Amino acid sequence: MIIQDLGNKNVIFETDCQVLARCVESNQPSLCEWESRGILDDILSALKSNSSFLVHFIPRQGNKAADWLAASTNKEVCPIGWVGIPLPSLSRLLEEDLKSIRYQQAQASTSTSSIELG
């Protein structure tokens, strides 16, 4: 697997597909109706072989960089060294995603605190 070849040990995969995230979290693919069953089986196999790999659902507004990368790769315009030296447009999207995720975490924390106090 590419991630292991790069020496990454603790990896979080983010997806804006809530159905996929639920299937992976439940570890019961037979309960999930998802059109790319082969991909789901590959994901579950990879996660079983490495307990430090996680999958998290991220709403689309916090996942713009992934959408950009997927579209760029499909068009074959994604530069080879994008990981080490991202294009300015990708850098901006990564910053926006980070802000969105931090905002969502703050909102979740506030909601949790309100429930605990209430």
N, C-alpha and C. Protein backbone atom coordinates (compact mmCIF):
# COMPACT_ATOMS: atom_id res chain seq x y z
N MET A 1 0.86 -1.18 0.00
CA MET A 1 0.00 0.00 0.00
C MET A 1 0.90 1.24 0.00
N ILE A 2 0.55 2.21 -0.79
CA ILE A 2 1.36 3.42 -0.95
C ILE A 2 1.61 4.10 0.39
N ILE A 3 0.61 4.17 1.23
CA ILE A 3 0.74 4.87 2.51
C ILE A 3 1.81 4.22 3.37
N GLN A 4 1.81 2.92 3.42
CA GLN A 4 2.81 2.20 4.20
C GLN A 4 4.19 2.35 3.56
N ASP A 5 4.24 2.33 2.23
CA ASP A 5 5.51 2.50 1.53
C ASP A 5 6.15 3.86 1.85
N LEU A 6 5.31 4.87 2.09
CA LEU A 6 5.82 6.20 2.43
C LEU A 6 6.23 6.32 3.89
N GLY A 7 5.99 5.26 4.66
CA GLY A 7 6.39 5.25 6.06
C GLY A 7 5.34 5.82 7.01
N ASN A 8 4.13 6.03 6.52
CA ASN A 8 3.07 6.55 7.38
C ASN A 8 2.49 5.42 8.21
N LYS A 9 2.38 5.66 9.51
CA LYS A 9 1.88 4.63 10.41
C LYS A 9 0.48 4.96 10.91
N ASN A 10 0.26 6.18 11.32
CA ASN A 10 -1.05 6.60 11.82
C ASN A 10 -1.70 7.47 10.75
N VAL A 11 -2.75 6.94 10.13
CA VAL A 11 -3.37 7.62 9.00
C VAL A 11 -4.86 7.72 9.22
N ILE A 12 -5.40 8.90 8.93
CA ILE A 12 -6.84 9.11 8.97
C ILE A 12 -7.29 9.38 7.54
N PHE A 13 -8.16 8.53 7.04
CA PHE A 13 -8.76 8.72 5.73
C PHE A 13 -10.05 9.49 5.93
N GLU A 14 -10.23 10.55 5.16
CA GLU A 14 -11.44 11.35 5.28
C GLU A 14 -12.29 11.18 4.03
N THR A 15 -13.59 11.05 4.23
CA THR A 15 -14.51 10.90 3.12
C THR A 15 -15.73 11.79 3.34
N ASP A 16 -16.26 12.30 2.24
CA ASP A 16 -17.51 13.05 2.35
C ASP A 16 -18.69 12.16 1.97
N CYS A 17 -18.45 10.86 1.87
CA CYS A 17 -19.51 9.89 1.59
C CYS A 17 -19.91 9.25 2.92
N GLN A 18 -21.04 9.72 3.45
CA GLN A 18 -21.47 9.25 4.76
C GLN A 18 -21.81 7.76 4.75
N VAL A 19 -22.35 7.27 3.64
CA VAL A 19 -22.67 5.85 3.53
C VAL A 19 -21.41 5.01 3.66
N LEU A 20 -20.34 5.43 2.98
CA LEU A 20 -19.07 4.71 3.07
C LEU A 20 -18.53 4.73 4.50
N ALA A 21 -18.54 5.89 5.13
CA ALA A 21 -18.03 6.01 6.49
C ALA A 21 -18.81 5.09 7.44
N ARG A 22 -20.12 5.03 7.31
CA ARG A 22 -20.92 4.16 8.17
C ARG A 22 -20.62 2.69 7.93
N CYS A 23 -20.45 2.32 6.67
CA CYS A 23 -20.12 0.92 6.35
C CYS A 23 -18.80 0.52 6.98
N VAL A 24 -17.82 1.40 6.88
CA VAL A 24 -16.50 1.10 7.43
C VAL A 24 -16.56 1.05 8.96
N GLU A 25 -17.25 2.00 9.57
CA GLU A 25 -17.34 2.03 11.03
C GLU A 25 -18.06 0.80 11.57
N SER A 26 -19.11 0.35 10.89
CA SER A 26 -19.87 -0.81 11.35
C SER A 26 -19.14 -2.12 11.11
N ASN A 27 -18.20 -2.11 10.14
CA ASN A 27 -17.44 -3.30 9.75
C ASN A 27 -18.37 -4.43 9.35
N GLN A 28 -19.52 -4.06 8.82
CA GLN A 28 -20.48 -5.04 8.33
C GLN A 28 -20.93 -4.63 6.93
N PRO A 29 -20.11 -4.90 5.92
CA PRO A 29 -20.43 -4.46 4.57
C PRO A 29 -21.72 -5.04 4.02
N SER A 30 -22.14 -6.19 4.52
CA SER A 30 -23.37 -6.80 4.02
C SER A 30 -24.59 -5.97 4.37
N LEU A 31 -24.48 -5.13 5.40
CA LEU A 31 -25.61 -4.28 5.80
C LEU A 31 -25.68 -2.98 4.99
N CYS A 32 -24.66 -2.73 4.19
CA CYS A 32 -24.56 -1.47 3.48
C CYS A 32 -24.89 -1.64 2.01
N GLU A 33 -25.65 -0.72 1.51
CA GLU A 33 -25.91 -0.67 0.08
C GLU A 33 -25.03 0.40 -0.51
N TRP A 34 -23.93 -0.03 -1.08
CA TRP A 34 -22.99 0.92 -1.68
C TRP A 34 -22.55 0.32 -2.99
N GLU A 35 -22.59 1.12 -4.05
CA GLU A 35 -22.37 0.61 -5.41
C GLU A 35 -20.96 0.11 -5.69
N SER A 36 -19.98 0.52 -4.96
CA SER A 36 -18.59 0.11 -5.20
C SER A 36 -18.14 -0.88 -4.15
N ARG A 37 -18.76 -2.03 -4.14
CA ARG A 37 -18.51 -3.04 -3.12
C ARG A 37 -17.05 -3.49 -3.09
N GLY A 38 -16.42 -3.61 -4.25
CA GLY A 38 -15.02 -4.02 -4.30
C GLY A 38 -14.11 -3.05 -3.58
N ILE A 39 -14.38 -1.75 -3.74
CA ILE A 39 -13.59 -0.72 -3.06
C ILE A 39 -13.81 -0.82 -1.56
N LEU A 40 -15.05 -1.02 -1.15
CA LEU A 40 -15.37 -1.15 0.28
C LEU A 40 -14.63 -2.35 0.87
N ASP A 41 -14.63 -3.47 0.16
CA ASP A 41 -13.92 -4.66 0.65
C ASP A 41 -12.42 -4.38 0.78
N ASP A 42 -11.84 -3.66 -0.19
CA ASP A 42 -10.42 -3.30 -0.12
C ASP A 42 -10.13 -2.41 1.09
N ILE A 43 -11.01 -1.45 1.34
CA ILE A 43 -10.85 -0.54 2.48
C ILE A 43 -10.88 -1.32 3.79
N LEU A 44 -11.88 -2.19 3.93
CA LEU A 44 -12.01 -2.97 5.16
C LEU A 44 -10.81 -3.88 5.36
N SER A 45 -10.31 -4.45 4.29
CA SER A 45 -9.13 -5.31 4.38
C SER A 45 -7.91 -4.52 4.85
N ALA A 46 -7.72 -3.32 4.28
CA ALA A 46 -6.58 -2.48 4.67
C ALA A 46 -6.69 -2.06 6.13
N LEU A 47 -7.90 -1.73 6.57
CA LEU A 47 -8.09 -1.31 7.96
C LEU A 47 -7.86 -2.47 8.92
N LYS A 48 -8.24 -3.67 8.53
CA LYS A 48 -8.01 -4.83 9.39
C LYS A 48 -6.53 -5.11 9.56
N SER A 49 -5.76 -4.86 8.49
CA SER A 49 -4.34 -5.17 8.55
C SER A 49 -3.54 -4.08 9.28
N ASN A 50 -4.17 -2.94 9.56
CA ASN A 50 -3.46 -1.87 10.26
C ASN A 50 -4.43 -1.12 11.16
N SER A 51 -4.37 -1.39 12.44
CA SER A 51 -5.31 -0.79 13.39
C SER A 51 -5.10 0.71 13.59
N SER A 52 -3.99 1.26 13.08
CA SER A 52 -3.77 2.70 13.24
C SER A 52 -4.35 3.50 12.07
N PHE A 53 -5.03 2.82 11.13
CA PHE A 53 -5.72 3.50 10.04
C PHE A 53 -7.16 3.73 10.47
N LEU A 54 -7.64 4.94 10.29
CA LEU A 54 -9.02 5.28 10.65
C LEU A 54 -9.72 5.92 9.46
N VAL A 55 -11.04 5.84 9.44
CA VAL A 55 -11.85 6.51 8.42
C VAL A 55 -12.83 7.42 9.14
N HIS A 56 -12.86 8.69 8.74
CA HIS A 56 -13.77 9.67 9.35
C HIS A 56 -14.63 10.31 8.27
N PHE A 57 -15.86 10.55 8.62
CA PHE A 57 -16.75 11.31 7.74
C PHE A 57 -16.47 12.79 7.93
N ILE A 58 -16.26 13.50 6.84
CA ILE A 58 -16.05 14.94 6.84
C ILE A 58 -17.06 15.54 5.87
N PRO A 59 -17.92 16.45 6.32
CA PRO A 59 -18.87 17.06 5.39
C PRO A 59 -18.15 17.73 4.22
N ARG A 60 -18.82 17.79 3.10
CA ARG A 60 -18.22 18.30 1.86
C ARG A 60 -17.58 19.68 2.05
N GLN A 61 -18.17 20.56 2.87
CA GLN A 61 -17.58 21.89 3.04
C GLN A 61 -16.23 21.85 3.73
N GLY A 62 -15.87 20.74 4.35
CA GLY A 62 -14.56 20.59 4.96
C GLY A 62 -13.65 19.67 4.18
N ASN A 63 -14.03 19.38 2.95
CA ASN A 63 -13.30 18.38 2.17
C ASN A 63 -13.05 18.87 0.74
N LYS A 64 -12.92 20.18 0.58
CA LYS A 64 -12.75 20.76 -0.76
C LYS A 64 -11.43 20.36 -1.40
N ALA A 65 -10.39 20.23 -0.61
CA ALA A 65 -9.08 19.86 -1.16
C ALA A 65 -9.14 18.46 -1.78
N ALA A 66 -9.83 17.54 -1.14
CA ALA A 66 -9.95 16.19 -1.70
C ALA A 66 -10.71 16.21 -3.01
N ASP A 67 -11.77 17.02 -3.08
CA ASP A 67 -12.52 17.14 -4.34
C ASP A 67 -11.63 17.71 -5.43
N TRP A 68 -10.82 18.70 -5.09
CA TRP A 68 -9.91 19.31 -6.07
C TRP A 68 -8.91 18.29 -6.57
N LEU A 69 -8.33 17.51 -5.64
CA LEU A 69 -7.35 16.49 -6.02
C LEU A 69 -7.97 15.42 -6.91
N ALA A 70 -9.17 14.98 -6.57
CA ALA A 70 -9.83 13.96 -7.38
C ALA A 70 -10.11 14.48 -8.79
N ALA A 71 -10.63 15.70 -8.88
CA ALA A 71 -10.92 16.27 -10.20
C ALA A 71 -9.63 16.48 -11.00
N SER A 72 -8.58 16.96 -10.35
CA SER A 72 -7.31 17.20 -11.04
C SER A 72 -6.68 15.90 -11.51
N THR A 73 -6.80 14.87 -10.70
CA THR A 73 -6.25 13.57 -11.07
C THR A 73 -7.02 13.00 -12.26
N ASN A 74 -8.34 13.12 -12.22
CA ASN A 74 -9.16 12.62 -13.33
C ASN A 74 -8.83 13.33 -14.64
N LYS A 75 -8.49 14.60 -14.55
CA LYS A 75 -8.13 15.38 -15.74
C LYS A 75 -6.66 15.23 -16.09
N GLU A 76 -5.93 14.48 -15.26
CA GLU A 76 -4.49 14.26 -15.42
C GLU A 76 -3.71 15.57 -15.40
N VAL A 77 -4.13 16.49 -14.53
CA VAL A 77 -3.41 17.76 -14.39
C VAL A 77 -2.84 17.94 -12.98
N CYS A 78 -2.92 16.91 -12.17
CA CYS A 78 -2.39 16.99 -10.81
C CYS A 78 -0.87 16.83 -10.88
N PRO A 79 -0.13 17.81 -10.38
CA PRO A 79 1.33 17.72 -10.45
C PRO A 79 1.88 16.58 -9.60
N ILE A 80 2.96 15.99 -10.05
CA ILE A 80 3.56 14.84 -9.37
C ILE A 80 3.97 15.17 -7.94
N GLY A 81 4.56 16.32 -7.69
CA GLY A 81 5.05 16.66 -6.36
C GLY A 81 4.07 17.42 -5.50
N TRP A 82 2.77 17.23 -5.71
CA TRP A 82 1.76 18.03 -5.01
C TRP A 82 1.82 17.89 -3.50
N VAL A 83 2.27 16.75 -2.99
CA VAL A 83 2.30 16.54 -1.54
C VAL A 83 3.32 17.47 -0.89
N GLY A 84 4.52 17.54 -1.46
CA GLY A 84 5.58 18.36 -0.88
C GLY A 84 5.47 19.82 -1.21
N ILE A 85 4.97 20.11 -2.41
CA ILE A 85 4.86 21.50 -2.86
C ILE A 85 3.49 21.69 -3.52
N PRO A 86 2.43 21.86 -2.71
CA PRO A 86 1.10 22.02 -3.30
C PRO A 86 0.97 23.34 -4.06
N LEU A 87 0.17 23.30 -5.12
CA LEU A 87 -0.11 24.51 -5.87
C LEU A 87 -0.81 25.52 -4.96
N PRO A 88 -0.68 26.83 -5.25
CA PRO A 88 -1.34 27.84 -4.41
C PRO A 88 -2.85 27.60 -4.28
N SER A 89 -3.49 27.18 -5.36
CA SER A 89 -4.94 26.94 -5.29
C SER A 89 -5.26 25.81 -4.32
N LEU A 90 -4.45 24.77 -4.31
CA LEU A 90 -4.65 23.67 -3.38
C LEU A 90 -4.34 24.10 -1.94
N SER A 91 -3.30 24.91 -1.77
CA SER A 91 -2.96 25.42 -0.44
C SER A 91 -4.11 26.21 0.16
N ARG A 92 -4.75 27.04 -0.66
CA ARG A 92 -5.91 27.82 -0.18
C ARG A 92 -7.05 26.89 0.24
N LEU A 93 -7.30 25.86 -0.56
CA LEU A 93 -8.38 24.92 -0.21
C LEU A 93 -8.05 24.16 1.08
N LEU A 94 -6.80 23.78 1.26
CA LEU A 94 -6.41 23.11 2.50
C LEU A 94 -6.63 24.01 3.71
N GLU A 95 -6.30 25.29 3.58
CA GLU A 95 -6.52 26.25 4.66
C GLU A 95 -8.01 26.40 4.94
N GLU A 96 -8.83 26.48 3.89
CA GLU A 96 -10.28 26.59 4.07
C GLU A 96 -10.83 25.35 4.76
N ASP A 97 -10.36 24.18 4.33
CA ASP A 97 -10.81 22.94 4.96
C ASP A 97 -10.46 22.91 6.44
N LEU A 98 -9.26 23.32 6.77
CA LEU A 98 -8.83 23.34 8.16
C LEU A 98 -9.71 24.27 8.99
N LYS A 99 -10.00 25.45 8.46
CA LYS A 99 -10.87 26.39 9.18
C LYS A 99 -12.26 25.80 9.37
N SER A 100 -12.78 25.15 8.34
CA SER A 100 -14.10 24.54 8.42
C SER A 100 -14.14 23.44 9.47
N ILE A 101 -13.12 22.61 9.48
CA ILE A 101 -13.06 21.50 10.44
C ILE A 101 -12.94 22.04 11.87
N ARG A 102 -12.09 23.05 12.06
CA ARG A 102 -11.96 23.64 13.40
C ARG A 102 -13.27 24.25 13.87
N TYR A 103 -13.99 24.91 12.96
CA TYR A 103 -15.28 25.50 13.29
C TYR A 103 -16.27 24.41 13.70
N GLN A 104 -16.31 23.31 12.92
CA GLN A 104 -17.22 22.21 13.22
C GLN A 104 -16.88 21.58 14.57
N GLN A 105 -15.59 21.44 14.86
CA GLN A 105 -15.18 20.88 16.15
C GLN A 105 -15.59 21.79 17.29
N ALA A 106 -15.45 23.10 17.10
CA ALA A 106 -15.84 24.05 18.14
C ALA A 106 -17.35 23.99 18.37
N GLN A 107 -18.11 23.87 17.27
CA GLN A 107 -19.57 23.78 17.39
C GLN A 107 -19.96 22.50 18.13
N ALA A 108 -19.31 21.40 17.80
CA ALA A 108 -19.60 20.12 18.45
C ALA A 108 -19.25 20.20 19.93
N SER A 109 -18.14 20.84 20.26
CA SER A 109 -17.72 20.99 21.64
C SER A 109 -18.72 21.84 22.43
N THR A 110 -19.18 22.91 21.80
CA THR A 110 -20.16 23.78 22.45
C THR A 110 -21.46 23.03 22.68
N SER A 111 -21.90 22.24 21.68
CA SER A 111 -23.12 21.46 21.81
C SER A 111 -23.00 20.43 22.92
N THR A 112 -21.86 19.79 22.98
CA THR A 112 -21.63 18.78 24.01
C THR A 112 -21.64 19.44 25.39
N SER A 113 -20.99 20.58 25.53
CA SER A 113 -20.95 21.27 26.81
C SER A 113 -22.35 21.70 27.23
N SER A 114 -23.15 22.16 26.27
CA SER A 114 -24.51 22.58 26.59
C SER A 114 -25.33 21.40 27.06
N ILE A 115 -25.17 20.26 26.44
CA ILE A 115 -25.93 19.08 26.83
C ILE A 115 -25.49 18.62 28.22
N GLU A 116 -24.21 18.62 28.47
CA GLU A 116 -23.73 18.17 29.77
C GLU A 116 -24.18 19.09 30.89
N LEU A 117 -24.25 20.39 30.60
CA LEU A 117 -24.66 21.34 31.63
C LEU A 117 -26.17 21.35 31.82
N GLY A 118 -26.89 21.04 30.74
CA GLY A 118 -28.35 21.12 30.77
C GLY A 118 -28.92 20.01 31.50
